[in-house]
């Protein structure tokens, strides 16, 4: 389940987890609203060790800017605090799943 990030400090703490998927969105983004539950379901089913973080870019512009996120939706996947995957705008759930599978396998299996 997604944790809604409330501050830059909280986001930086979450990045210290073994694995983190950060979902950047805005209120005006209709694609974001449709994609978010699909990403959540896929991660919960396929990659249970990944923590989920939800960031509203217009509420926390400093978190978005710090991570060079300028469009919605943007998905960043971190392993051991380092960014491994960045997907923006047209994100396919299958494509995202394939991108996560290899580093996840190396990390947890």
PDB file of N, CA and C in Angstrom:
ATOM      1  N   UNK A   1       0.832  -1.181   0.000  1.00  0.00           N
ATOM      2  CA  UNK A   1       0.000   0.000   0.000  1.00  0.00           C
ATOM      3  C   UNK A   1       0.882   1.251   0.000  1.00  0.00           C
ATOM      4  N   UNK A   2       0.441   2.270  -0.735  1.00  0.00           N
ATOM      5  CA  UNK A   2       1.216   3.498  -0.855  1.00  0.00           C
ATOM      6  C   UNK A   2       1.238   4.284   0.453  1.00  0.00           C
ATOM      7  N   UNK A   3       2.404   4.804   0.799  1.00  0.00           N
ATOM      8  CA  UNK A   3       2.574   5.736   1.906  1.00  0.00           C
ATOM      9  C   UNK A   3       2.651   7.122   1.289  1.00  0.00           C
ATOM     10  N   UNK A   4       1.774   8.031   1.709  1.00  0.00           N
ATOM     11  CA  UNK A   4       1.840   9.380   1.163  1.00  0.00           C
ATOM     12  C   UNK A   4       2.939  10.149   1.884  1.00  0.00           C
ATOM     13  N   UNK A   5       3.897  10.634   1.117  1.00  0.00           N
ATOM     14  CA  UNK A   5       5.041  11.343   1.669  1.00  0.00           C
ATOM     15  C   UNK A   5       4.630  12.766   2.041  1.00  0.00           C
ATOM     16  N   UNK A   6       5.042  13.197   3.241  1.00  0.00           N
ATOM     17  CA  UNK A   6       4.656  14.521   3.758  1.00  0.00           C
ATOM     18  C   UNK A   6       5.800  15.527   3.763  1.00  0.00           C
ATOM     19  N   UNK A   7       7.054  15.052   3.588  1.00  0.00           N
ATOM     20  CA  UNK A   7       8.189  15.983   3.629  1.00  0.00           C
ATOM     21  C   UNK A   7       9.385  15.388   2.889  1.00  0.00           C
ATOM     22  N   UNK A   8      10.342  16.257   2.580  1.00  0.00           N
ATOM     23  CA  UNK A   8      11.577  15.819   1.930  1.00  0.00           C
ATOM     24  C   UNK A   8      12.348  14.879   2.849  1.00  0.00           C
ATOM     25  N   UNK A   9      12.354  15.174   4.152  1.00  0.00           N
ATOM     26  CA  UNK A   9      13.061  14.322   5.116  1.00  0.00           C
ATOM     27  C   UNK A   9      12.464  12.914   5.130  1.00  0.00           C
ATOM     28  N   UNK A  10      11.129  12.833   5.117  1.00  0.00           N
ATOM     29  CA  UNK A  10      10.466  11.529   5.105  1.00  0.00           C
ATOM     30  C   UNK A  10      10.835  10.757   3.842  1.00  0.00           C
ATOM     31  N   UNK A  11      10.862  11.451   2.695  1.00  0.00           N
ATOM     32  CA  UNK A  11      11.219  10.791   1.438  1.00  0.00           C
ATOM     33  C   UNK A  11      12.652  10.272   1.492  1.00  0.00           C
ATOM     34  N   UNK A  12      13.563  11.082   2.015  1.00  0.00           N
ATOM     35  CA  UNK A  12      14.966  10.651   2.104  1.00  0.00           C
ATOM     36  C   UNK A  12      15.125   9.442   3.025  1.00  0.00           C
ATOM     37  N   UNK A  13      14.317   9.366   4.087  1.00  0.00           N
ATOM     38  CA  UNK A  13      14.331   8.187   4.957  1.00  0.00           C
ATOM     39  C   UNK A  13      13.824   6.957   4.220  1.00  0.00           C
ATOM     40  N   UNK A  14      12.742   7.123   3.443  1.00  0.00           N
ATOM     41  CA  UNK A  14      12.183   5.997   2.688  1.00  0.00           C
ATOM     42  C   UNK A  14      13.189   5.476   1.660  1.00  0.00           C
ATOM     43  N   UNK A  15      13.985   6.368   1.078  1.00  0.00           N
ATOM     44  CA  UNK A  15      14.984   5.948   0.089  1.00  0.00           C
ATOM     45  C   UNK A  15      16.033   5.033   0.697  1.00  0.00           C
ATOM     46  N   UNK A  16      16.181   5.049   2.014  1.00  0.00           N
ATOM     47  CA  UNK A  16      17.153   4.184   2.675  1.00  0.00           C
ATOM     48  C   UNK A  16      16.664   2.742   2.807  1.00  0.00           C
ATOM     49  N   UNK A  17      15.385   2.500   2.488  1.00  0.00           N
ATOM     50  CA  UNK A  17      14.851   1.127   2.475  1.00  0.00           C
ATOM     51  C   UNK A  17      15.611   0.318   1.426  1.00  0.00           C
ATOM     52  N   UNK A  18      15.546  -1.004   1.527  1.00  0.00           N
ATOM     53  CA  UNK A  18      16.211  -1.866   0.546  1.00  0.00           C
ATOM     54  C   UNK A  18      15.673  -1.607  -0.869  1.00  0.00           C
ATOM     55  N   UNK A  19      14.351  -1.402  -0.978  1.00  0.00           N
ATOM     56  CA  UNK A  19      13.739  -1.146  -2.282  1.00  0.00           C
ATOM     57  C   UNK A  19      12.556  -0.199  -2.098  1.00  0.00           C
ATOM     58  N   UNK A  20      12.458   0.785  -2.994  1.00  0.00           N
ATOM     59  CA  UNK A  20      11.393   1.783  -2.922  1.00  0.00           C
ATOM     60  C   UNK A  20      10.915   2.133  -4.314  1.00  0.00           C
ATOM     61  N   UNK A  21       9.596   2.158  -4.493  1.00  0.00           N
ATOM     62  CA  UNK A  21       8.991   2.675  -5.720  1.00  0.00           C
ATOM     63  C   UNK A  21       8.318   3.990  -5.349  1.00  0.00           C
ATOM     64  N   UNK A  22       8.758   5.082  -5.962  1.00  0.00           N
ATOM     65  CA  UNK A  22       8.195   6.408  -5.700  1.00  0.00           C
ATOM     66  C   UNK A  22       7.309   6.804  -6.882  1.00  0.00           C
ATOM     67  N   UNK A  23       6.056   7.122  -6.572  1.00  0.00           N
ATOM     68  CA  UNK A  23       5.065   7.471  -7.599  1.00  0.00           C
ATOM     69  C   UNK A  23       4.766   8.959  -7.474  1.00  0.00           C
ATOM     70  N   UNK A  24       5.219   9.754  -8.441  1.00  0.00           N
ATOM     71  CA  UNK A  24       4.992  11.201  -8.444  1.00  0.00           C
ATOM     72  C   UNK A  24       3.770  11.509  -9.302  1.00  0.00           C
ATOM     73  N   UNK A  25       2.871  12.308  -8.754  1.00  0.00           N
ATOM     74  CA  UNK A  25       1.604  12.587  -9.413  1.00  0.00           C
ATOM     75  C   UNK A  25       1.160  14.016  -9.125  1.00  0.00           C
ATOM     76  N   UNK A  26       0.140  14.464  -9.860  1.00  0.00           N
ATOM     77  CA  UNK A  26      -0.506  15.747  -9.583  1.00  0.00           C
ATOM     78  C   UNK A  26      -2.012  15.533  -9.573  1.00  0.00           C
ATOM     79  N   UNK A  27      -2.732  16.460  -8.965  1.00  0.00           N
ATOM     80  CA  UNK A  27      -4.193  16.360  -8.908  1.00  0.00           C
ATOM     81  C   UNK A  27      -4.816  16.409 -10.300  1.00  0.00           C
ATOM     82  N   UNK A  28      -4.225  17.192 -11.202  1.00  0.00           N
ATOM     83  CA  UNK A  28      -4.789  17.390 -12.535  1.00  0.00           C
ATOM     84  C   UNK A  28      -4.547  16.213 -13.483  1.00  0.00           C
ATOM     85  N   UNK A  29      -3.744  15.265 -13.077  1.00  0.00           N
ATOM     86  CA  UNK A  29      -3.354  14.150 -13.948  1.00  0.00           C
ATOM     87  C   UNK A  29      -4.372  13.012 -13.874  1.00  0.00           C
ATOM     88  N   UNK A  30      -5.140  12.847 -14.935  1.00  0.00           N
ATOM     89  CA  UNK A  30      -6.148  11.777 -14.942  1.00  0.00           C
ATOM     90  C   UNK A  30      -5.503  10.405 -15.173  1.00  0.00           C
ATOM     91  N   UNK A  31      -4.440  10.354 -15.952  1.00  0.00           N
ATOM     92  CA  UNK A  31      -3.722   9.098 -16.189  1.00  0.00           C
ATOM     93  C   UNK A  31      -3.177   8.556 -14.872  1.00  0.00           C
ATOM     94  N   UNK A  32      -2.697   9.472 -14.013  1.00  0.00           N
ATOM     95  CA  UNK A  32      -2.122   9.082 -12.724  1.00  0.00           C
ATOM     96  C   UNK A  32      -3.132   8.325 -11.869  1.00  0.00           C
ATOM     97  N   UNK A  33      -4.365   8.802 -11.875  1.00  0.00           N
ATOM     98  CA  UNK A  33      -5.417   8.192 -11.051  1.00  0.00           C
ATOM     99  C   UNK A  33      -5.745   6.774 -11.513  1.00  0.00           C
ATOM    100  N   UNK A  34      -5.659   6.527 -12.808  1.00  0.00           N
ATOM    101  CA  UNK A  34      -5.942   5.206 -13.364  1.00  0.00           C
ATOM    102  C   UNK A  34      -4.753   4.265 -13.166  1.00  0.00           C
ATOM    103  N   UNK A  35      -3.552   4.792 -13.337  1.00  0.00           N
ATOM    104  CA  UNK A  35      -2.341   3.969 -13.285  1.00  0.00           C
ATOM    105  C   UNK A  35      -1.957   3.556 -11.865  1.00  0.00           C
ATOM    106  N   UNK A  36      -2.167   4.430 -10.893  1.00  0.00           N
ATOM    107  CA  UNK A  36      -1.716   4.185  -9.516  1.00  0.00           C
ATOM    108  C   UNK A  36      -2.204   2.855  -8.947  1.00  0.00           C
ATOM    109  N   UNK A  37      -3.525   2.530  -8.990  1.00  0.00           N
ATOM    110  CA  UNK A  37      -3.948   1.232  -8.429  1.00  0.00           C
ATOM    111  C   UNK A  37      -3.376   0.033  -9.191  1.00  0.00           C
ATOM    112  N   UNK A  38      -3.134   0.194 -10.485  1.00  0.00           N
ATOM    113  CA  UNK A  38      -2.554  -0.902 -11.268  1.00  0.00           C
ATOM    114  C   UNK A  38      -1.109  -1.162 -10.846  1.00  0.00           C
ATOM    115  N   UNK A  39      -0.364  -0.087 -10.630  1.00  0.00           N
ATOM    116  CA  UNK A  39       1.026  -0.219 -10.177  1.00  0.00           C
ATOM    117  C   UNK A  39       1.057  -0.836  -8.786  1.00  0.00           C
ATOM    118  N   UNK A  40       0.162  -0.373  -7.923  1.00  0.00           N
ATOM    119  CA  UNK A  40       0.090  -0.900  -6.557  1.00  0.00           C
ATOM    120  C   UNK A  40      -0.208  -2.397  -6.559  1.00  0.00           C
ATOM    121  N   UNK A  41      -1.167  -2.828  -7.378  1.00  0.00           N
ATOM    122  CA  UNK A  41      -1.529  -4.244  -7.451  1.00  0.00           C
ATOM    123  C   UNK A  41      -0.365  -5.077  -7.990  1.00  0.00           C
ATOM    124  N   UNK A  42       0.301  -4.574  -9.017  1.00  0.00           N
ATOM    125  CA  UNK A  42       1.414  -5.307  -9.620  1.00  0.00           C
ATOM    126  C   UNK A  42       2.565  -5.463  -8.623  1.00  0.00           C
ATOM    127  N   UNK A  43       2.929  -4.384  -7.934  1.00  0.00           N
ATOM    128  CA  UNK A  43       4.039  -4.442  -6.979  1.00  0.00           C
ATOM    129  C   UNK A  43       3.679  -5.362  -5.810  1.00  0.00           C
ATOM    130  N   UNK A  44       2.460  -5.255  -5.306  1.00  0.00           N
ATOM    131  CA  UNK A  44       2.040  -6.108  -4.187  1.00  0.00           C
ATOM    132  C   UNK A  44       2.085  -7.584  -4.554  1.00  0.00           C
ATOM    133  N   UNK A  45       1.676  -7.904  -5.771  1.00  0.00           N
ATOM    134  CA  UNK A  45       1.626  -9.302  -6.210  1.00  0.00           C
ATOM    135  C   UNK A  45       3.008  -9.848  -6.578  1.00  0.00           C
ATOM    136  N   UNK A  46       3.800  -9.049  -7.312  1.00  0.00           N
ATOM    137  CA  UNK A  46       5.050  -9.551  -7.881  1.00  0.00           C
ATOM    138  C   UNK A  46       6.299  -9.221  -7.046  1.00  0.00           C
ATOM    139  N   UNK A  47       6.276  -8.077  -6.374  1.00  0.00           N
ATOM    140  CA  UNK A  47       7.476  -7.595  -5.680  1.00  0.00           C
ATOM    141  C   UNK A  47       7.131  -7.130  -4.265  1.00  0.00           C
ATOM    142  N   UNK A  48       6.788  -8.052  -3.377  1.00  0.00           N
ATOM    143  CA  UNK A  48       6.301  -7.672  -2.043  1.00  0.00           C
ATOM    144  C   UNK A  48       7.326  -6.956  -1.164  1.00  0.00           C
ATOM    145  N   UNK A  49       8.603  -7.041  -1.483  1.00  0.00           N
ATOM    146  CA  UNK A  49       9.636  -6.395  -0.666  1.00  0.00           C
ATOM    147  C   UNK A  49       9.784  -4.900  -0.969  1.00  0.00           C
ATOM    148  N   UNK A  50       9.168  -4.431  -2.055  1.00  0.00           N
ATOM    149  CA  UNK A  50       9.303  -3.024  -2.439  1.00  0.00           C
ATOM    150  C   UNK A  50       8.313  -2.175  -1.656  1.00  0.00           C
ATOM    151  N   UNK A  51       8.820  -1.123  -1.009  1.00  0.00           N
ATOM    152  CA  UNK A  51       7.974  -0.134  -0.333  1.00  0.00           C
ATOM    153  C   UNK A  51       7.406   0.801  -1.390  1.00  0.00           C
ATOM    154  N   UNK A  52       6.181   1.269  -1.176  1.00  0.00           N
ATOM    155  CA  UNK A  52       5.534   2.182  -2.118  1.00  0.00           C
ATOM    156  C   UNK A  52       5.378   3.560  -1.490  1.00  0.00           C
ATOM    157  N   UNK A  53       5.823   4.591  -2.209  1.00  0.00           N
ATOM    158  CA  UNK A  53       5.683   5.969  -1.733  1.00  0.00           C
ATOM    159  C   UNK A  53       4.941   6.778  -2.791  1.00  0.00           C
ATOM    160  N   UNK A  54       4.006   7.603  -2.327  1.00  0.00           N
ATOM    161  CA  UNK A  54       3.205   8.450  -3.217  1.00  0.00           C
ATOM    162  C   UNK A  54       3.541   9.899  -2.918  1.00  0.00           C
ATOM    163  N   UNK A  55       3.943  10.647  -3.954  1.00  0.00           N
ATOM    164  CA  UNK A  55       4.321  12.041  -3.770  1.00  0.00           C
ATOM    165  C   UNK A  55       3.451  12.914  -4.674  1.00  0.00           C
ATOM    166  N   UNK A  56       2.742  13.864  -4.069  1.00  0.00           N
ATOM    167  CA  UNK A  56       1.976  14.848  -4.831  1.00  0.00           C
ATOM    168  C   UNK A  56       2.937  15.981  -5.183  1.00  0.00           C
ATOM    169  N   UNK A  57       3.298  16.064  -6.453  1.00  0.00           N
ATOM    170  CA  UNK A  57       4.334  17.004  -6.887  1.00  0.00           C
ATOM    171  C   UNK A  57       3.980  18.463  -6.612  1.00  0.00           C
ATOM    172  N   UNK A  58       2.681  18.811  -6.703  1.00  0.00           N
ATOM    173  CA  UNK A  58       2.319  20.209  -6.460  1.00  0.00           C
ATOM    174  C   UNK A  58       2.324  20.548  -4.965  1.00  0.00           C
ATOM    175  N   UNK A  59       2.169  19.549  -4.108  1.00  0.00           N
ATOM    176  CA  UNK A  59       2.212  19.766  -2.654  1.00  0.00           C
ATOM    177  C   UNK A  59       3.658  19.784  -2.156  1.00  0.00           C
ATOM    178  N   UNK A  60       4.495  18.926  -2.720  1.00  0.00           N
ATOM    179  CA  UNK A  60       5.907  18.838  -2.317  1.00  0.00           C
ATOM    180  C   UNK A  60       6.833  19.086  -3.517  1.00  0.00           C
ATOM    181  N   UNK A  61       6.842  20.317  -4.044  1.00  0.00           N
ATOM    182  CA  UNK A  61       7.681  20.584  -5.227  1.00  0.00           C
ATOM    183  C   UNK A  61       9.173  20.375  -4.965  1.00  0.00           C
ATOM    184  N   UNK A  62       9.606  20.516  -3.692  1.00  0.00           N
ATOM    185  CA  UNK A  62      11.028  20.325  -3.392  1.00  0.00           C
ATOM    186  C   UNK A  62      11.441  18.866  -3.562  1.00  0.00           C
ATOM    187  N   UNK A  63      10.537  17.931  -3.262  1.00  0.00           N
ATOM    188  CA  UNK A  63      10.848  16.500  -3.445  1.00  0.00           C
ATOM    189  C   UNK A  63      10.937  16.195  -4.942  1.00  0.00           C
ATOM    190  N   UNK A  64       9.994  16.735  -5.708  1.00  0.00           N
ATOM    191  CA  UNK A  64      10.016  16.534  -7.160  1.00  0.00           C
ATOM    192  C   UNK A  64      11.283  17.151  -7.765  1.00  0.00           C
ATOM    193  N   UNK A  65      11.600  18.372  -7.379  1.00  0.00           N
ATOM    194  CA  UNK A  65      12.770  19.055  -7.930  1.00  0.00           C
ATOM    195  C   UNK A  65      14.068  18.334  -7.554  1.00  0.00           C
ATOM    196  N   UNK A  66      14.164  17.884  -6.317  1.00  0.00           N
ATOM    197  CA  UNK A  66      15.351  17.175  -5.834  1.00  0.00           C
ATOM    198  C   UNK A  66      15.609  15.912  -6.665  1.00  0.00           C
ATOM    199  N   UNK A  67      14.531  15.313  -7.172  1.00  0.00           N
ATOM    200  CA  UNK A  67      14.638  14.080  -7.951  1.00  0.00           C
ATOM    201  C   UNK A  67      14.466  14.311  -9.449  1.00  0.00           C
ATOM    202  N   UNK A  68      14.512  15.565  -9.859  1.00  0.00           N
ATOM    203  CA  UNK A  68      14.392  15.954 -11.265  1.00  0.00           C
ATOM    204  C   UNK A  68      13.141  15.383 -11.926  1.00  0.00           C
ATOM    205  N   UNK A  69      12.011  15.517 -11.219  1.00  0.00           N
ATOM    206  CA  UNK A  69      10.726  15.071 -11.740  1.00  0.00           C
ATOM    207  C   UNK A  69       9.970  16.304 -12.216  1.00  0.00           C
ATOM    208  N   UNK A  70       9.690  16.365 -13.519  1.00  0.00           N
ATOM    209  CA  UNK A  70       9.047  17.546 -14.091  1.00  0.00           C
ATOM    210  C   UNK A  70       7.733  17.222 -14.801  1.00  0.00           C
ATOM    211  N   UNK A  71       7.326  15.972 -14.776  1.00  0.00           N
ATOM    212  CA  UNK A  71       6.085  15.575 -15.450  1.00  0.00           C
ATOM    213  C   UNK A  71       5.380  14.508 -14.614  1.00  0.00           C
ATOM    214  N   UNK A  72       4.093  14.340 -14.879  1.00  0.00           N
ATOM    215  CA  UNK A  72       3.311  13.338 -14.146  1.00  0.00           C
ATOM    216  C   UNK A  72       2.617  12.417 -15.144  1.00  0.00           C
ATOM    217  N   UNK A  73       2.494  11.149 -14.844  1.00  0.00           N
ATOM    218  CA  UNK A  73       3.123  10.467 -13.714  1.00  0.00           C
ATOM    219  C   UNK A  73       4.594  10.167 -13.989  1.00  0.00           C
ATOM    220  N   UNK A  74       5.363  10.144 -12.937  1.00  0.00           N
ATOM    221  CA  UNK A  74       6.756   9.694 -13.004  1.00  0.00           C
ATOM    222  C   UNK A  74       6.942   8.654 -11.905  1.00  0.00           C
ATOM    223  N   UNK A  75       7.549   7.546 -12.278  1.00  0.00           N
ATOM    224  CA  UNK A  75       7.816   6.467 -11.332  1.00  0.00           C
ATOM    225  C   UNK A  75       9.320   6.284 -11.241  1.00  0.00           C
ATOM    226  N   UNK A  76       9.830   6.346 -10.010  1.00  0.00           N
ATOM    227  CA  UNK A  76      11.251   6.095  -9.761  1.00  0.00           C
ATOM    228  C   UNK A  76      11.359   4.859  -8.881  1.00  0.00           C
ATOM    229  N   UNK A  77      12.287   3.969  -9.221  1.00  0.00           N
ATOM    230  CA  UNK A  77      12.503   2.773  -8.409  1.00  0.00           C
ATOM    231  C   UNK A  77      13.938   2.821  -7.893  1.00  0.00           C
ATOM    232  N   UNK A  78      14.060   2.735  -6.569  1.00  0.00           N
ATOM    233  CA  UNK A  78      15.359   2.788  -5.893  1.00  0.00           C
ATOM    234  C   UNK A  78      15.665   1.424  -5.268  1.00  0.00           C
ATOM    235  N   UNK A  79      16.915   0.995  -5.412  1.00  0.00           N
ATOM    236  CA  UNK A  79      17.424  -0.172  -4.697  1.00  0.00           C
ATOM    237  C   UNK A  79      18.644   0.297  -3.919  1.00  0.00           C
ATOM    238  N   UNK A  80      18.656   0.039  -2.613  1.00  0.00           N
ATOM    239  CA  UNK A  80      19.742   0.485  -1.735  1.00  0.00           C
ATOM    240  C   UNK A  80      20.020   1.982  -1.865  1.00  0.00           C
ATOM    241  N   UNK A  81      18.955   2.766  -1.999  1.00  0.00           N
ATOM    242  CA  UNK A  81      19.094   4.217  -2.032  1.00  0.00           C
ATOM    243  C   UNK A  81      19.513   4.808  -3.363  1.00  0.00           C
ATOM    244  N   UNK A  82      19.736   3.959  -4.359  1.00  0.00           N
ATOM    245  CA  UNK A  82      20.153   4.456  -5.675  1.00  0.00           C
ATOM    246  C   UNK A  82      19.041   4.242  -6.695  1.00  0.00           C
ATOM    247  N   UNK A  83      18.856   5.234  -7.545  1.00  0.00           N
ATOM    248  CA  UNK A  83      17.815   5.140  -8.579  1.00  0.00           C
ATOM    249  C   UNK A  83      18.255   4.165  -9.664  1.00  0.00           C
ATOM    250  N   UNK A  84      17.385   3.182  -9.939  1.00  0.00           N
ATOM    251  CA  UNK A  84      17.656   2.197 -10.988  1.00  0.00           C
ATOM    252  C   UNK A  84      16.720   2.359 -12.175  1.00  0.00           C
ATOM    253  N   UNK A  85      15.485   2.785 -11.918  1.00  0.00           N
ATOM    254  CA  UNK A  85      14.483   2.854 -12.979  1.00  0.00           C
ATOM    255  C   UNK A  85      13.766   4.190 -12.903  1.00  0.00           C
ATOM    256  N   UNK A  86      13.530   4.792 -14.068  1.00  0.00           N
ATOM    257  CA  UNK A  86      12.772   6.042 -14.163  1.00  0.00           C
ATOM    258  C   UNK A  86      11.837   5.904 -15.359  1.00  0.00           C
ATOM    259  N   UNK A  87      10.553   6.015 -15.091  1.00  0.00           N
ATOM    260  CA  UNK A  87       9.544   5.948 -16.154  1.00  0.00           C
ATOM    261  C   UNK A  87       8.643   7.168 -16.018  1.00  0.00           C
ATOM    262  N   UNK A  88       8.361   7.830 -17.130  1.00  0.00           N
ATOM    263  CA  UNK A  88       7.508   9.017 -17.106  1.00  0.00           C
ATOM    264  C   UNK A  88       6.459   8.952 -18.202  1.00  0.00           C
ATOM    265  N   UNK A  89       5.379   9.694 -17.961  1.00  0.00           N
ATOM    266  CA  UNK A  89       4.255   9.859 -18.882  1.00  0.00           C
ATOM    267  C   UNK A  89       3.610   8.545 -19.291  1.00  0.00           C
ATOM    268  N   UNK A  90       4.002   8.000 -20.437  1.00  0.00           N
ATOM    269  CA  UNK A  90       3.371   6.782 -20.951  1.00  0.00           C
ATOM    270  C   UNK A  90       4.029   5.561 -20.328  1.00  0.00           C
ATOM    271  N   UNK A  91       3.488   5.131 -19.203  1.00  0.00           N
ATOM    272  CA  UNK A  91       4.069   4.013 -18.462  1.00  0.00           C
ATOM    273  C   UNK A  91       3.169   2.799 -18.615  1.00  0.00           C
ATOM    274  N   UNK A  92       3.717   1.720 -19.129  1.00  0.00           N
ATOM    275  CA  UNK A  92       2.983   0.468 -19.206  1.00  0.00           C
ATOM    276  C   UNK A  92       3.305  -0.384 -17.987  1.00  0.00           C
ATOM    277  N   UNK A  93       2.291  -0.992 -17.390  1.00  0.00           N
ATOM    278  CA  UNK A  93       2.507  -1.805 -16.189  1.00  0.00           C
ATOM    279  C   UNK A  93       3.400  -3.008 -16.515  1.00  0.00           C
ATOM    280  N   UNK A  94       3.186  -3.637 -17.651  1.00  0.00           N
ATOM    281  CA  UNK A  94       4.011  -4.777 -18.060  1.00  0.00           C
ATOM    282  C   UNK A  94       5.457  -4.382 -18.266  1.00  0.00           C
ATOM    283  N   UNK A  95       5.661  -3.248 -18.890  1.00  0.00           N
ATOM    284  CA  UNK A  95       7.006  -2.725 -19.140  1.00  0.00           C
ATOM    285  C   UNK A  95       7.710  -2.407 -17.817  1.00  0.00           C
ATOM    286  N   UNK A  96       6.968  -1.826 -16.889  1.00  0.00           N
ATOM    287  CA  UNK A  96       7.516  -1.518 -15.571  1.00  0.00           C
ATOM    288  C   UNK A  96       7.870  -2.801 -14.820  1.00  0.00           C
ATOM    289  N   UNK A  97       7.010  -3.793 -14.911  1.00  0.00           N
ATOM    290  CA  UNK A  97       7.242  -5.079 -14.252  1.00  0.00           C
ATOM    291  C   UNK A  97       8.525  -5.728 -14.774  1.00  0.00           C
ATOM    292  N   UNK A  98       8.720  -5.707 -16.084  1.00  0.00           N
ATOM    293  CA  UNK A  98       9.933  -6.280 -16.677  1.00  0.00           C
ATOM    294  C   UNK A  98      11.184  -5.547 -16.206  1.00  0.00           C
ATOM    295  N   UNK A  99      11.083  -4.214 -16.117  1.00  0.00           N
ATOM    296  CA  UNK A  99      12.237  -3.410 -15.708  1.00  0.00           C
ATOM    297  C   UNK A  99      12.624  -3.689 -14.254  1.00  0.00           C
ATOM    298  N   UNK A 100      11.634  -3.924 -13.403  1.00  0.00           N
ATOM    299  CA  UNK A 100      11.897  -4.157 -11.976  1.00  0.00           C
ATOM    300  C   UNK A 100      12.402  -5.577 -11.721  1.00  0.00           C
ATOM    301  N   UNK A 101      11.958  -6.542 -12.508  1.00  0.00           N
ATOM    302  CA  UNK A 101      12.199  -7.962 -12.234  1.00  0.00           C
ATOM    303  C   UNK A 101      13.674  -8.304 -12.025  1.00  0.00           C
ATOM    304  N   UNK A 102      14.549  -7.877 -12.909  1.00  0.00           N
ATOM    305  CA  UNK A 102      15.969  -8.274 -12.816  1.00  0.00           C
ATOM    306  C   UNK A 102      16.650  -7.726 -11.559  1.00  0.00           C
ATOM    307  N   UNK A 103      16.642  -6.400 -11.324  1.00  0.00           N
ATOM    308  CA  UNK A 103      17.311  -5.930 -10.098  1.00  0.00           C
ATOM    309  C   UNK A 103      16.659  -6.470  -8.826  1.00  0.00           C
ATOM    310  N   UNK A 104      15.352  -6.676  -8.849  1.00  0.00           N
ATOM    311  CA  UNK A 104      14.652  -7.223  -7.681  1.00  0.00           C
ATOM    312  C   UNK A 104      15.127  -8.631  -7.393  1.00  0.00           C
ATOM    313  N   UNK A 105      15.240  -9.439  -8.453  1.00  0.00           N
ATOM    314  CA  UNK A 105      15.713 -10.821  -8.311  1.00  0.00           C
ATOM    315  C   UNK A 105      17.121 -10.854  -7.715  1.00  0.00           C
ATOM    316  N   UNK A 106      17.991 -10.013  -8.220  1.00  0.00           N
ATOM    317  CA  UNK A 106      19.377  -9.971  -7.724  1.00  0.00           C
ATOM    318  C   UNK A 106      19.429  -9.548  -6.266  1.00  0.00           C
ATOM    319  N   UNK A 107      18.518  -8.674  -5.879  1.00  0.00           N
ATOM    320  CA  UNK A 107      18.544  -8.137  -4.529  1.00  0.00           C
ATOM    321  C   UNK A 107      17.937  -9.095  -3.492  1.00  0.00           C
ATOM    322  N   UNK A 108      16.834  -9.746  -3.856  1.00  0.00           N
ATOM    323  CA  UNK A 108      16.056 -10.490  -2.855  1.00  0.00           C
ATOM    324  C   UNK A 108      16.045 -12.009  -3.011  1.00  0.00           C
ATOM    325  N   UNK A 109      16.569 -12.539  -4.098  1.00  0.00           N
ATOM    326  CA  UNK A 109      16.467 -13.997  -4.265  1.00  0.00           C
ATOM    327  C   UNK A 109      17.812 -14.659  -4.415  1.00  0.00           C
TER     328      UNK A 109
END
